Amino acid sequence: MAGGYKSLSEKEVELILMEAPRGSDPKKILDEYIQEVAAEEALTQENLKPRGGATEPATGGSQHVVVEGDTLSKIAEWYGTTPEKIAAQNKIKDVNKIKVGQKLNLRNLGEK
């Protein structure tokens, strides 16, 4: 979060400090809050990056190799489609069952 706690509104600062233990150092509490938010944002951005066998969204001839932690929902989000479209195109009966190493055809899936 660029700008640190100075980028927070007065109301946000007030709410954060209201939840802090009595006698806590306000600057330390706000610094810890900013670090937590930044870490969460970094994790979110990392989770949105395509992994496995493809690095770019499907544009007509792509394939994705499933890696540990992948779900059809995440993959669909990365490639701008739906889990149902990926499942249908790859003849996956249960959208909750994909395997590490499985190759998914993402050709011409279109948008959500």
PDB file of N, CA and C in Angstrom:
ATOM      1  N   MET A   1       0.859  -1.169   0.000  1.00  0.00           N
ATOM      2  CA  MET A   1       0.000   0.000   0.000  1.00  0.00           C
ATOM      3  C   MET A   1       0.895   1.218   0.000  1.00  0.00           C
ATOM      4  N   ALA A   2       0.939   1.910  -1.110  1.00  0.00           N
ATOM      5  CA  ALA A   2       1.795   3.075  -1.241  1.00  0.00           C
ATOM      6  C   ALA A   2       1.336   4.163  -0.290  1.00  0.00           C
ATOM      7  N   GLY A   3       2.284   4.883   0.278  1.00  0.00           N
ATOM      8  CA  GLY A   3       1.948   6.007   1.117  1.00  0.00           C
ATOM      9  C   GLY A   3       1.794   5.647   2.590  1.00  0.00           C
ATOM     10  N   GLY A   4       1.863   4.384   2.933  1.00  0.00           N
ATOM     11  CA  GLY A   4       1.749   3.970   4.319  1.00  0.00           C
ATOM     12  C   GLY A   4       0.450   4.411   4.940  1.00  0.00           C
ATOM     13  N   TYR A   5       0.453   4.540   6.261  1.00  0.00           N
ATOM     14  CA  TYR A   5      -0.796   4.852   6.946  1.00  0.00           C
ATOM     15  C   TYR A   5      -1.281   6.259   6.665  1.00  0.00           C
ATOM     16  N   LYS A   6      -0.446   7.119   6.117  1.00  0.00           N
ATOM     17  CA  LYS A   6      -0.888   8.476   5.770  1.00  0.00           C
ATOM     18  C   LYS A   6      -1.910   8.454   4.638  1.00  0.00           C
ATOM     19  N   SER A   7      -1.978   7.326   3.909  1.00  0.00           N
ATOM     20  CA  SER A   7      -2.958   7.208   2.831  1.00  0.00           C
ATOM     21  C   SER A   7      -4.314   6.738   3.350  1.00  0.00           C
ATOM     22  N   LEU A   8      -4.394   6.407   4.652  1.00  0.00           N
ATOM     23  CA  LEU A   8      -5.665   5.996   5.240  1.00  0.00           C
ATOM     24  C   LEU A   8      -6.497   7.223   5.589  1.00  0.00           C
ATOM     25  N   SER A   9      -7.802   7.066   5.515  1.00  0.00           N
ATOM     26  CA  SER A   9      -8.681   8.165   5.920  1.00  0.00           C
ATOM     27  C   SER A   9      -8.673   8.286   7.437  1.00  0.00           C
ATOM     28  N   GLU A  10      -9.121   9.426   7.936  1.00  0.00           N
ATOM     29  CA  GLU A  10      -9.190   9.613   9.388  1.00  0.00           C
ATOM     30  C   GLU A  10     -10.088   8.560  10.019  1.00  0.00           C
ATOM     31  N   LYS A  11     -11.187   8.227   9.353  1.00  0.00           N
ATOM     32  CA  LYS A  11     -12.124   7.232   9.872  1.00  0.00           C
ATOM     33  C   LYS A  11     -11.458   5.853   9.949  1.00  0.00           C
ATOM     34  N   GLU A  12     -10.689   5.481   8.914  1.00  0.00           N
ATOM     35  CA  GLU A  12      -9.989   4.191   8.931  1.00  0.00           C
ATOM     36  C   GLU A  12      -8.995   4.128  10.084  1.00  0.00           C
ATOM     37  N   VAL A  13      -8.233   5.209  10.267  1.00  0.00           N
ATOM     38  CA  VAL A  13      -7.260   5.258  11.361  1.00  0.00           C
ATOM     39  C   VAL A  13      -7.977   5.120  12.694  1.00  0.00           C
ATOM     40  N   GLU A  14      -9.082   5.840  12.852  1.00  0.00           N
ATOM     41  CA  GLU A  14      -9.849   5.796  14.097  1.00  0.00           C
ATOM     42  C   GLU A  14     -10.333   4.372  14.384  1.00  0.00           C
ATOM     43  N   LEU A  15     -10.865   3.696  13.369  1.00  0.00           N
ATOM     44  CA  LEU A  15     -11.362   2.330  13.559  1.00  0.00           C
ATOM     45  C   LEU A  15     -10.251   1.349  13.911  1.00  0.00           C
ATOM     46  N   ILE A  16      -9.113   1.481  13.244  1.00  0.00           N
ATOM     47  CA  ILE A  16      -7.974   0.598  13.519  1.00  0.00           C
ATOM     48  C   ILE A  16      -7.492   0.790  14.951  1.00  0.00           C
ATOM     49  N   LEU A  17      -7.373   2.043  15.367  1.00  0.00           N
ATOM     50  CA  LEU A  17      -6.865   2.324  16.709  1.00  0.00           C
ATOM     51  C   LEU A  17      -7.873   1.950  17.788  1.00  0.00           C
ATOM     52  N   MET A  18      -9.175   1.999  17.468  1.00  0.00           N
ATOM     53  CA  MET A  18     -10.197   1.607  18.437  1.00  0.00           C
ATOM     54  C   MET A  18     -10.074   0.126  18.790  1.00  0.00           C
ATOM     55  N   GLU A  19      -9.619  -0.693  17.832  1.00  0.00           N
ATOM     56  CA  GLU A  19      -9.492  -2.132  18.046  1.00  0.00           C
ATOM     57  C   GLU A  19      -8.168  -2.509  18.720  1.00  0.00           C
ATOM     58  N   ALA A  20      -7.250  -1.561  18.801  1.00  0.00           N
ATOM     59  CA  ALA A  20      -5.930  -1.844  19.382  1.00  0.00           C
ATOM     60  C   ALA A  20      -6.023  -1.937  20.904  1.00  0.00           C
ATOM     61  N   PRO A  21      -5.153  -2.751  21.493  1.00  0.00           N
ATOM     62  CA  PRO A  21      -5.130  -2.824  22.961  1.00  0.00           C
ATOM     63  C   PRO A  21      -4.810  -1.461  23.568  1.00  0.00           C
ATOM     64  N   ARG A  22      -5.436  -1.190  24.697  1.00  0.00           N
ATOM     65  CA  ARG A  22      -5.237   0.083  25.388  1.00  0.00           C
ATOM     66  C   ARG A  22      -3.756   0.254  25.721  1.00  0.00           C
ATOM     67  N   GLY A  23      -3.238   1.454  25.494  1.00  0.00           N
ATOM     68  CA  GLY A  23      -1.846   1.753  25.807  1.00  0.00           C
ATOM     69  C   GLY A  23      -0.874   1.404  24.689  1.00  0.00           C
ATOM     70  N   SER A  24      -1.379   0.898  23.562  1.00  0.00           N
ATOM     71  CA  SER A  24      -0.507   0.533  22.437  1.00  0.00           C
ATOM     72  C   SER A  24       0.030   1.787  21.749  1.00  0.00           C
ATOM     73  N   ASP A  25       1.177   1.630  21.122  1.00  0.00           N
ATOM     74  CA  ASP A  25       1.777   2.714  20.352  1.00  0.00           C
ATOM     75  C   ASP A  25       1.010   2.853  19.033  1.00  0.00           C
ATOM     76  N   PRO A  26       0.307   3.985  18.821  1.00  0.00           N
ATOM     77  CA  PRO A  26      -0.514   4.148  17.612  1.00  0.00           C
ATOM     78  C   PRO A  26       0.276   3.988  16.310  1.00  0.00           C
ATOM     79  N   LYS A  27       1.496   4.532  16.260  1.00  0.00           N
ATOM     80  CA  LYS A  27       2.299   4.422  15.037  1.00  0.00           C
ATOM     81  C   LYS A  27       2.629   2.951  14.755  1.00  0.00           C
ATOM     82  N   LYS A  28       2.986   2.218  15.804  1.00  0.00           N
ATOM     83  CA  LYS A  28       3.320   0.801  15.639  1.00  0.00           C
ATOM     84  C   LYS A  28       2.097   0.014  15.158  1.00  0.00           C
ATOM     85  N   ILE A  29       0.928   0.292  15.737  1.00  0.00           N
ATOM     86  CA  ILE A  29      -0.309  -0.386  15.334  1.00  0.00           C
ATOM     87  C   ILE A  29      -0.603  -0.114  13.865  1.00  0.00           C
ATOM     88  N   LEU A  30      -0.480   1.152  13.452  1.00  0.00           N
ATOM     89  CA  LEU A  30      -0.766   1.512  12.057  1.00  0.00           C
ATOM     90  C   LEU A  30       0.265   0.902  11.109  1.00  0.00           C
ATOM     91  N   ASP A  31       1.535   0.897  11.510  1.00  0.00           N
ATOM     92  CA  ASP A  31       2.569   0.284  10.670  1.00  0.00           C
ATOM     93  C   ASP A  31       2.298  -1.211  10.474  1.00  0.00           C
ATOM     94  N   GLU A  32       1.918  -1.904  11.554  1.00  0.00           N
ATOM     95  CA  GLU A  32       1.609  -3.336  11.458  1.00  0.00           C
ATOM     96  C   GLU A  32       0.402  -3.573  10.553  1.00  0.00           C
ATOM     97  N   TYR A  33      -0.594  -2.713  10.665  1.00  0.00           N
ATOM     98  CA  TYR A  33      -1.784  -2.832   9.817  1.00  0.00           C
ATOM     99  C   TYR A  33      -1.404  -2.694   8.338  1.00  0.00           C
ATOM    100  N   ILE A  34      -0.599  -1.698   8.022  1.00  0.00           N
ATOM    101  CA  ILE A  34      -0.173  -1.457   6.633  1.00  0.00           C
ATOM    102  C   ILE A  34       0.623  -2.655   6.117  1.00  0.00           C
ATOM    103  N   GLN A  35       1.489  -3.225   6.949  1.00  0.00           N
ATOM    104  CA  GLN A  35       2.264  -4.397   6.528  1.00  0.00           C
ATOM    105  C   GLN A  35       1.352  -5.586   6.246  1.00  0.00           C
ATOM    106  N   GLU A  36       0.344  -5.787   7.088  1.00  0.00           N
ATOM    107  CA  GLU A  36      -0.608  -6.887   6.870  1.00  0.00           C
ATOM    108  C   GLU A  36      -1.369  -6.697   5.572  1.00  0.00           C
ATOM    109  N   VAL A  37      -1.835  -5.476   5.326  1.00  0.00           N
ATOM    110  CA  VAL A  37      -2.587  -5.190   4.099  1.00  0.00           C
ATOM    111  C   VAL A  37      -1.699  -5.396   2.881  1.00  0.00           C
ATOM    112  N   ALA A  38      -0.466  -4.914   2.956  1.00  0.00           N
ATOM    113  CA  ALA A  38       0.465  -5.074   1.832  1.00  0.00           C
ATOM    114  C   ALA A  38       0.734  -6.551   1.568  1.00  0.00           C
ATOM    115  N   ALA A  39       0.899  -7.341   2.622  1.00  0.00           N
ATOM    116  CA  ALA A  39       1.144  -8.779   2.457  1.00  0.00           C
ATOM    117  C   ALA A  39      -0.066  -9.457   1.817  1.00  0.00           C
ATOM    118  N   GLU A  40      -1.265  -9.084   2.249  1.00  0.00           N
ATOM    119  CA  GLU A  40      -2.483  -9.656   1.653  1.00  0.00           C
ATOM    120  C   GLU A  40      -2.603  -9.282   0.177  1.00  0.00           C
ATOM    121  N   GLU A  41      -2.287  -8.020  -0.150  1.00  0.00           N
ATOM    122  CA  GLU A  41      -2.343  -7.587  -1.549  1.00  0.00           C
ATOM    123  C   GLU A  41      -1.332  -8.346  -2.389  1.00  0.00           C
ATOM    124  N   ALA A  42      -0.140  -8.570  -1.845  1.00  0.00           N
ATOM    125  CA  ALA A  42       0.891  -9.311  -2.585  1.00  0.00           C
ATOM    126  C   ALA A  42       0.449 -10.738  -2.833  1.00  0.00           C
ATOM    127  N   LEU A  43      -0.149 -11.373  -1.822  1.00  0.00           N
ATOM    128  CA  LEU A  43      -0.637 -12.740  -1.997  1.00  0.00           C
ATOM    129  C   LEU A  43      -1.732 -12.795  -3.039  1.00  0.00           C
ATOM    130  N   THR A  44      -2.628 -11.827  -3.004  1.00  0.00           N
ATOM    131  CA  THR A  44      -3.716 -11.793  -3.981  1.00  0.00           C
ATOM    132  C   THR A  44      -3.150 -11.656  -5.388  1.00  0.00           C
ATOM    133  N   GLN A  45      -2.202 -10.753  -5.580  1.00  0.00           N
ATOM    134  CA  GLN A  45      -1.603 -10.574  -6.903  1.00  0.00           C
ATOM    135  C   GLN A  45      -0.882 -11.839  -7.350  1.00  0.00           C
ATOM    136  N   GLU A  46      -0.192 -12.497  -6.428  1.00  0.00           N
ATOM    137  CA  GLU A  46       0.521 -13.735  -6.770  1.00  0.00           C
ATOM    138  C   GLU A  46      -0.473 -14.817  -7.178  1.00  0.00           C
ATOM    139  N   ASN A  47      -1.611 -14.891  -6.489  1.00  0.00           N
ATOM    140  CA  ASN A  47      -2.616 -15.898  -6.799  1.00  0.00           C
ATOM    141  C   ASN A  47      -3.297 -15.657  -8.136  1.00  0.00           C
ATOM    142  N   LEU A  48      -3.243 -14.433  -8.630  1.00  0.00           N
ATOM    143  CA  LEU A  48      -3.890 -14.120  -9.905  1.00  0.00           C
ATOM    144  C   LEU A  48      -2.992 -14.394 -11.104  1.00  0.00           C
ATOM    145  N   LYS A  49      -1.710 -14.672 -10.852  1.00  0.00           N
ATOM    146  CA  LYS A  49      -0.787 -14.928 -11.959  1.00  0.00           C
ATOM    147  C   LYS A  49      -0.989 -16.343 -12.486  1.00  0.00           C
ATOM    148  N   PRO A  50      -1.059 -16.495 -13.808  1.00  0.00           N
ATOM    149  CA  PRO A  50      -1.135 -17.849 -14.361  1.00  0.00           C
ATOM    150  C   PRO A  50       0.115 -18.630 -14.000  1.00  0.00           C
ATOM    151  N   ARG A  51      -0.073 -19.923 -13.731  1.00  0.00           N
ATOM    152  CA  ARG A  51       1.058 -20.803 -13.438  1.00  0.00           C
ATOM    153  C   ARG A  51       0.949 -22.013 -14.330  1.00  0.00           C
ATOM    154  N   GLY A  52       1.668 -23.025 -14.010  1.00  0.00           N
ATOM    155  CA  GLY A  52       1.578 -24.254 -14.777  1.00  0.00           C
ATOM    156  C   GLY A  52       2.189 -24.080 -16.149  1.00  0.00           C
ATOM    157  N   GLY A  53       1.549 -24.689 -17.148  1.00  0.00           N
ATOM    158  CA  GLY A  53       2.123 -24.738 -18.485  1.00  0.00           C
ATOM    159  C   GLY A  53       1.855 -23.532 -19.355  1.00  0.00           C
ATOM    160  N   ALA A  54       1.095 -22.562 -18.873  1.00  0.00           N
ATOM    161  CA  ALA A  54       0.804 -21.386 -19.685  1.00  0.00           C
ATOM    162  C   ALA A  54       1.111 -20.133 -18.886  1.00  0.00           C
ATOM    163  N   THR A  55       1.505 -19.085 -19.566  1.00  0.00           N
ATOM    164  CA  THR A  55       1.841 -17.842 -18.874  1.00  0.00           C
ATOM    165  C   THR A  55       0.994 -16.674 -19.334  1.00  0.00           C
ATOM    166  N   GLU A  56       0.219 -16.847 -20.341  1.00  0.00           N
ATOM    167  CA  GLU A  56      -0.620 -15.769 -20.865  1.00  0.00           C
ATOM    168  C   GLU A  56      -2.059 -16.258 -20.971  1.00  0.00           C
ATOM    169  N   PRO A  57      -3.022 -15.341 -20.898  1.00  0.00           N
ATOM    170  CA  PRO A  57      -4.415 -15.751 -21.094  1.00  0.00           C
ATOM    171  C   PRO A  57      -4.615 -16.422 -22.445  1.00  0.00           C
ATOM    172  N   ALA A  58      -5.596 -17.309 -22.484  1.00  0.00           N
ATOM    173  CA  ALA A  58      -5.886 -18.047 -23.712  1.00  0.00           C
ATOM    174  C   ALA A  58      -6.301 -17.095 -24.824  1.00  0.00           C
ATOM    175  N   THR A  59      -5.646 -17.213 -25.960  1.00  0.00           N
ATOM    176  CA  THR A  59      -5.968 -16.341 -27.083  1.00  0.00           C
ATOM    177  C   THR A  59      -6.328 -17.135 -28.324  1.00  0.00           C
ATOM    178  N   GLY A  60      -6.498 -18.414 -28.204  1.00  0.00           N
ATOM    179  CA  GLY A  60      -6.870 -19.191 -29.366  1.00  0.00           C
ATOM    180  C   GLY A  60      -6.140 -20.509 -29.468  1.00  0.00           C
ATOM    181  N   GLY A  61      -5.052 -20.708 -28.760  1.00  0.00           N
ATOM    182  CA  GLY A  61      -4.333 -21.959 -28.881  1.00  0.00           C
ATOM    183  C   GLY A  61      -3.576 -22.302 -27.626  1.00  0.00           C
ATOM    184  N   SER A  62      -4.194 -22.125 -26.472  1.00  0.00           N
ATOM    185  CA  SER A  62      -3.466 -22.304 -25.219  1.00  0.00           C
ATOM    186  C   SER A  62      -3.817 -23.584 -24.493  1.00  0.00           C
ATOM    187  N   GLN A  63      -2.886 -23.949 -23.623  1.00  0.00           N
ATOM    188  CA  GLN A  63      -3.041 -25.109 -22.779  1.00  0.00           C
ATOM    189  C   GLN A  63      -2.530 -24.707 -21.396  1.00  0.00           C
ATOM    190  N   HIS A  64      -3.136 -25.263 -20.360  1.00  0.00           N
ATOM    191  CA  HIS A  64      -2.683 -25.000 -19.005  1.00  0.00           C
ATOM    192  C   HIS A  64      -2.393 -26.339 -18.353  1.00  0.00           C
ATOM    193  N   VAL A  65      -1.201 -26.455 -17.746  1.00  0.00           N
ATOM    194  CA  VAL A  65      -0.851 -27.659 -17.014  1.00  0.00           C
ATOM    195  C   VAL A  65      -1.133 -27.382 -15.542  1.00  0.00           C
ATOM    196  N   VAL A  66      -1.978 -28.202 -14.940  1.00  0.00           N
ATOM    197  CA  VAL A  66      -2.400 -28.006 -13.562  1.00  0.00           C
ATOM    198  C   VAL A  66      -1.230 -28.222 -12.612  1.00  0.00           C
ATOM    199  N   VAL A  67      -1.055 -27.268 -11.691  1.00  0.00           N
ATOM    200  CA  VAL A  67      -0.042 -27.390 -10.643  1.00  0.00           C
ATOM    201  C   VAL A  67      -0.754 -27.451  -9.293  1.00  0.00           C
ATOM    202  N   GLU A  68      -0.028 -27.864  -8.265  1.00  0.00           N
ATOM    203  CA  GLU A  68      -0.610 -27.965  -6.931  1.00  0.00           C
ATOM    204  C   GLU A  68      -1.211 -26.623  -6.523  1.00  0.00           C
ATOM    205  N   GLY A  69      -2.417 -26.661  -6.019  1.00  0.00           N
ATOM    206  CA  GLY A  69      -3.102 -25.446  -5.577  1.00  0.00           C
ATOM    207  C   GLY A  69      -4.059 -24.876  -6.605  1.00  0.00           C
ATOM    208  N   ASP A  70      -3.958 -25.342  -7.854  1.00  0.00           N
ATOM    209  CA  ASP A  70      -4.874 -24.862  -8.893  1.00  0.00           C
ATOM    210  C   ASP A  70      -6.285 -25.379  -8.637  1.00  0.00           C
ATOM    211  N   THR A  71      -7.255 -24.572  -8.972  1.00  0.00           N
ATOM    212  CA  THR A  71      -8.655 -24.987  -9.025  1.00  0.00           C
ATOM    213  C   THR A  71      -9.204 -24.494 -10.350  1.00  0.00           C
ATOM    214  N   LEU A  72     -10.280 -25.094 -10.809  1.00  0.00           N
ATOM    215  CA  LEU A  72     -10.866 -24.611 -12.065  1.00  0.00           C
ATOM    216  C   LEU A  72     -11.322 -23.168 -11.922  1.00  0.00           C
ATOM    217  N   SER A  73     -11.768 -22.790 -10.753  1.00  0.00           N
ATOM    218  CA  SER A  73     -12.193 -21.397 -10.544  1.00  0.00           C
ATOM    219  C   SER A  73     -11.032 -20.432 -10.717  1.00  0.00           C
ATOM    220  N   LYS A  74      -9.880 -20.750 -10.108  1.00  0.00           N
ATOM    221  CA  LYS A  74      -8.703 -19.884 -10.257  1.00  0.00           C
ATOM    222  C   LYS A  74      -8.250 -19.832 -11.709  1.00  0.00           C
ATOM    223  N   ILE A  75      -8.181 -20.989 -12.333  1.00  0.00           N
ATOM    224  CA  ILE A  75      -7.730 -21.045 -13.729  1.00  0.00           C
ATOM    225  C   ILE A  75      -8.677 -20.241 -14.612  1.00  0.00           C
ATOM    226  N   ALA A  76      -9.968 -20.400 -14.394  1.00  0.00           N
ATOM    227  CA  ALA A  76     -10.957 -19.653 -15.180  1.00  0.00           C
ATOM    228  C   ALA A  76     -10.767 -18.153 -14.997  1.00  0.00           C
ATOM    229  N   GLU A  77     -10.502 -17.726 -13.763  1.00  0.00           N
ATOM    230  CA  GLU A  77     -10.286 -16.302 -13.509  1.00  0.00           C
ATOM    231  C   GLU A  77      -9.051 -15.802 -14.246  1.00  0.00           C
ATOM    232  N   TRP A  78      -7.957 -16.598 -14.212  1.00  0.00           N
ATOM    233  CA  TRP A  78      -6.723 -16.208 -14.894  1.00  0.00           C
ATOM    234  C   TRP A  78      -6.952 -16.009 -16.383  1.00  0.00           C
ATOM    235  N   TYR A  79      -7.801 -16.852 -16.966  1.00  0.00           N
ATOM    236  CA  TYR A  79      -7.971 -16.836 -18.416  1.00  0.00           C
ATOM    237  C   TYR A  79      -9.251 -16.157 -18.880  1.00  0.00           C
ATOM    238  N   GLY A  80      -9.978 -15.536 -17.959  1.00  0.00           N
ATOM    239  CA  GLY A  80     -11.155 -14.765 -18.340  1.00  0.00           C
ATOM    240  C   GLY A  80     -12.300 -15.612 -18.865  1.00  0.00           C
ATOM    241  N   THR A  81     -12.527 -16.746 -18.244  1.00  0.00           N
ATOM    242  CA  THR A  81     -13.607 -17.627 -18.671  1.00  0.00           C
ATOM    243  C   THR A  81     -14.308 -18.174 -17.433  1.00  0.00           C
ATOM    244  N   THR A  82     -15.046 -19.245 -17.565  1.00  0.00           N
ATOM    245  CA  THR A  82     -15.744 -19.830 -16.418  1.00  0.00           C
ATOM    246  C   THR A  82     -15.257 -21.261 -16.190  1.00  0.00           C
ATOM    247  N   PRO A  83     -15.364 -21.748 -14.943  1.00  0.00           N
ATOM    248  CA  PRO A  83     -14.988 -23.142 -14.676  1.00  0.00           C
ATOM    249  C   PRO A  83     -15.829 -24.116 -15.493  1.00  0.00           C
ATOM    250  N   GLU A  84     -17.095 -23.771 -15.694  1.00  0.00           N
ATOM    251  CA  GLU A  84     -17.989 -24.645 -16.451  1.00  0.00           C
ATOM    252  C   GLU A  84     -17.534 -24.802 -17.902  1.00  0.00           C
ATOM    253  N   LYS A  85     -17.066 -23.708 -18.519  1.00  0.00           N
ATOM    254  CA  LYS A  85     -16.589 -23.786 -19.907  1.00  0.00           C
ATOM    255  C   LYS A  85     -15.326 -24.639 -20.005  1.00  0.00           C
ATOM    256  N   ILE A  86     -14.419 -24.463 -19.039  1.00  0.00           N
ATOM    257  CA  ILE A  86     -13.199 -25.281 -19.044  1.00  0.00           C
ATOM    258  C   ILE A  86     -13.563 -26.748 -18.848  1.00  0.00           C
ATOM    259  N   ALA A  87     -14.455 -27.018 -17.899  1.00  0.00           N
ATOM    260  CA  ALA A  87     -14.867 -28.401 -17.621  1.00  0.00           C
ATOM    261  C   ALA A  87     -15.516 -29.032 -18.850  1.00  0.00           C
ATOM    262  N   ALA A  88     -16.405 -28.300 -19.499  1.00  0.00           N
ATOM    263  CA  ALA A  88     -17.101 -28.841 -20.673  1.00  0.00           C
ATOM    264  C   ALA A  88     -16.116 -29.142 -21.796  1.00  0.00           C
ATOM    265  N   GLN A  89     -15.224 -28.209 -22.066  1.00  0.00           N
ATOM    266  CA  GLN A  89     -14.274 -28.388 -23.166  1.00  0.00           C
ATOM    267  C   GLN A  89     -13.305 -29.538 -22.897  1.00  0.00           C
ATOM    268  N   ASN A  90     -13.017 -29.795 -21.630  1.00  0.00           N
ATOM    269  CA  ASN A  90     -12.049 -30.836 -21.273  1.00  0.00           C
ATOM    270  C   ASN A  90     -12.708 -32.104 -20.750  1.00  0.00           C
ATOM    271  N   LYS A  91     -14.031 -32.186 -20.911  1.00  0.00           N
ATOM    272  CA  LYS A  91     -14.796 -33.368 -20.505  1.00  0.00           C
ATOM    273  C   LYS A  91     -14.543 -33.737 -19.027  1.00  0.00           C
ATOM    274  N   ILE A  92     -14.535 -32.700 -18.188  1.00  0.00           N
ATOM    275  CA  ILE A  92     -14.363 -32.895 -16.752  1.00  0.00           C
ATOM    276  C   ILE A  92     -15.760 -32.963 -16.145  1.00  0.00           C
ATOM    277  N   LYS A  93     -16.073 -34.083 -15.523  1.00  0.00           N
ATOM    278  CA  LYS A  93     -17.411 -34.288 -14.965  1.00  0.00           C
ATOM    279  C   LYS A  93     -17.597 -33.579 -13.633  1.00  0.00           C
ATOM    280  N   ASP A  94     -16.565 -33.582 -12.803  1.00  0.00           N
ATOM    281  CA  ASP A  94     -16.638 -32.954 -11.484  1.00  0.00           C
ATOM    282  C   ASP A  94     -15.650 -31.790 -11.453  1.00  0.00           C
ATOM    283  N   VAL A  95     -16.169 -30.555 -11.406  1.00  0.00           N
ATOM    284  CA  VAL A  95     -15.294 -29.369 -11.445  1.00  0.00           C
ATOM    285  C   VAL A  95     -14.364 -29.282 -10.234  1.00  0.00           C
ATOM    286  N   ASN A  96     -14.608 -30.090  -9.223  1.00  0.00           N
ATOM    287  CA  ASN A  96     -13.751 -30.096  -8.038  1.00  0.00           C
ATOM    288  C   ASN A  96     -12.630 -31.126  -8.126  1.00  0.00           C
ATOM    289  N   LYS A  97     -12.558 -31.851  -9.240  1.00  0.00           N
ATOM    290  CA  LYS A  97     -11.544 -32.900  -9.362  1.00  0.00           C
ATOM    291  C   LYS A  97     -10.680 -32.687 -10.602  1.00  0.00           C
ATOM    292  N   ILE A  98      -9.570 -31.987 -10.377  1.00  0.00           N
ATOM    293  CA  ILE A  98      -8.537 -31.888 -11.406  1.00  0.00           C
ATOM    294  C   ILE A  98      -7.250 -32.385 -10.754  1.00  0.00           C
ATOM    295  N   LYS A  99      -6.312 -32.849 -11.584  1.00  0.00           N
ATOM    296  CA  LYS A  99      -5.100 -33.479 -11.063  1.00  0.00           C
ATOM    297  C   LYS A  99      -3.864 -32.690 -11.458  1.00  0.00           C
ATOM    298  N   VAL A 100      -2.886 -32.662 -10.559  1.00  0.00           N
ATOM    299  CA  VAL A 100      -1.594 -32.053 -10.862  1.00  0.00           C
ATOM    300  C   VAL A 100      -1.029 -32.738 -12.092  1.00  0.00           C
ATOM    301  N   GLY A 101      -0.579 -31.949 -13.049  1.00  0.00           N
ATOM    302  CA  GLY A 101      -0.022 -32.481 -14.294  1.00  0.00           C
ATOM    303  C   GLY A 101      -1.048 -32.592 -15.406  1.00  0.00           C
ATOM    304  N   GLN A 102      -2.321 -32.495 -15.063  1.00  0.00           N
ATOM    305  CA  GLN A 102      -3.383 -32.581 -16.072  1.00  0.00           C
ATOM    306  C   GLN A 102      -3.267 -31.400 -17.033  1.00  0.00           C
ATOM    307  N   LYS A 103      -3.391 -31.686 -18.314  1.00  0.00           N
ATOM    308  CA  LYS A 103      -3.316 -30.645 -19.339  1.00  0.00           C
ATOM    309  C   LYS A 103      -4.722 -30.230 -19.724  1.00  0.00           C
ATOM    310  N   LEU A 104      -4.991 -28.930 -19.581  1.00  0.00           N
ATOM    311  CA  LEU A 104      -6.311 -28.401 -19.917  1.00  0.00           C
ATOM    312  C   LEU A 104      -6.243 -27.625 -21.222  1.00  0.00           C
ATOM    313  N   ASN A 105      -7.124 -27.961 -22.128  1.00  0.00           N
ATOM    314  CA  ASN A 105      -7.236 -27.256 -23.391  1.00  0.00           C
ATOM    315  C   ASN A 105      -8.043 -25.985 -23.131  1.00  0.00           C
ATOM    316  N   LEU A 106      -7.452 -24.837 -23.414  1.00  0.00           N
ATOM    317  CA  LEU A 106      -8.117 -23.556 -23.189  1.00  0.00           C
ATOM    318  C   LEU A 106      -8.418 -22.832 -24.505  1.00  0.00           C
ATOM    319  N   ARG A 107      -8.319 -23.560 -25.605  1.00  0.00           N
ATOM    320  CA  ARG A 107      -8.524 -22.959 -26.919  1.00  0.00           C
ATOM    321  C   ARG A 107      -9.934 -22.428 -27.094  1.00  0.00           C
ATOM    322  N   ASN A 108     -10.037 -21.200 -27.538  1.00  0.00           N
ATOM    323  CA  ASN A 108     -11.301 -20.579 -27.958  1.00  0.00           C
ATOM    324  C   ASN A 108     -12.423 -20.691 -26.917  1.00  0.00           C
ATOM    325  N   LEU A 109     -12.099 -20.445 -25.674  1.00  0.00           N
ATOM    326  CA  LEU A 109     -13.127 -20.527 -24.639  1.00  0.00           C
ATOM    327  C   LEU A 109     -13.986 -19.256 -24.571  1.00  0.00           C
ATOM    328  N   GLY A 110     -13.468 -18.160 -25.089  1.00  0.00           N
ATOM    329  CA  GLY A 110     -14.246 -16.927 -25.035  1.00  0.00           C
ATOM    330  C   GLY A 110     -14.264 -16.365 -23.638  1.00  0.00           C
ATOM    331  N   GLU A 111     -15.023 -15.292 -23.481  1.00  0.00           N
ATOM    332  CA  GLU A 111     -15.093 -14.605 -22.197  1.00  0.00           C
ATOM    333  C   GLU A 111     -16.249 -15.113 -21.381  1.00  0.00           C
ATOM    334  N   LYS A 112     -16.245 -14.733 -20.117  1.00  0.00           N
ATOM    335  CA  LYS A 112     -17.290 -15.154 -19.172  1.00  0.00           C
ATOM    336  C   LYS A 112     -18.662 -14.828 -19.678  1.00  0.00           C
TER     337      LYS A 112
END
